[in-house]
């Protein structure tokens, strides 16, 4: 037995909102990961150039 249409609509809306938030968090994570990799490269470069 399925829940009423109104309850189904609420479930779909909640799932849609969760998906959007998950995508947003994923994009933030990817940007932070890329920034971390760039920082790592810069630190290694400075280390091998004797700047640290």
Protein backbone atom coordinates (compact mmCIF):
# COMPACT_ATOMS: atom_id res chain seq x y z
CA UNK A 1 0.00 0.00 0.00
CA UNK A 2 1.39 3.37 -1.04
CA UNK A 3 1.27 6.50 1.09
CA UNK A 4 -1.07 9.28 -0.03
CA UNK A 5 0.04 11.47 -2.94
CA UNK A 6 0.73 14.39 -0.59
CA UNK A 7 3.11 12.24 1.48
CA UNK A 8 4.76 10.96 -1.70
CA UNK A 9 5.28 14.54 -2.85
CA UNK A 10 6.90 15.42 0.49
CA UNK A 11 9.23 12.43 0.20
CA UNK A 12 10.21 13.41 -3.34
CA UNK A 13 10.84 17.00 -2.26
CA UNK A 14 12.98 15.87 0.68
CA UNK A 15 14.98 13.52 -1.56
CA UNK A 16 15.46 16.28 -4.13
CA UNK A 17 16.68 18.68 -1.45
CA UNK A 18 19.08 16.07 -0.07
CA UNK A 19 20.43 15.40 -3.56
CA UNK A 20 21.03 19.11 -4.17
CA UNK A 21 22.79 19.49 -0.80
CA UNK A 22 24.90 16.39 -1.46
CA UNK A 23 25.97 17.77 -4.84
CA UNK A 24 26.86 21.10 -3.21
CA UNK A 25 28.96 19.39 -0.54
CA UNK A 26 30.65 17.25 -3.20
CA UNK A 27 31.62 20.35 -5.18
CA UNK A 28 33.00 22.01 -2.04
CA UNK A 29 35.00 18.88 -1.20
CA UNK A 30 36.43 18.72 -4.72
CA UNK A 31 37.49 22.38 -4.59
CA UNK A 32 39.12 21.92 -1.19
CA UNK A 33 40.88 18.78 -2.37
CA UNK A 34 42.24 20.62 -5.43
CA UNK A 35 43.39 23.52 -3.24
CA UNK A 36 45.10 21.06 -0.90
CA UNK A 37 46.93 19.47 -3.82
CA UNK A 38 48.08 22.89 -5.03
CA UNK A 39 49.32 23.77 -1.55
CA UNK A 40 51.19 20.47 -1.36
CA UNK A 41 52.88 21.16 -4.71
CA UNK A 42 53.83 24.68 -3.63
CA UNK A 43 55.28 23.47 -0.34
CA UNK A 44 57.28 20.74 -2.04
CA UNK A 45 58.56 23.24 -4.59
CA UNK A 46 59.62 25.67 -1.85
CA UNK A 47 61.23 22.85 0.13
CA UNK A 48 63.33 21.62 -2.78
CA UNK A 49 64.28 25.16 -3.74
CA UNK A 50 65.51 25.77 -0.17
CA UNK A 51 62.95 28.48 0.49
CA UNK A 52 61.67 26.85 3.68
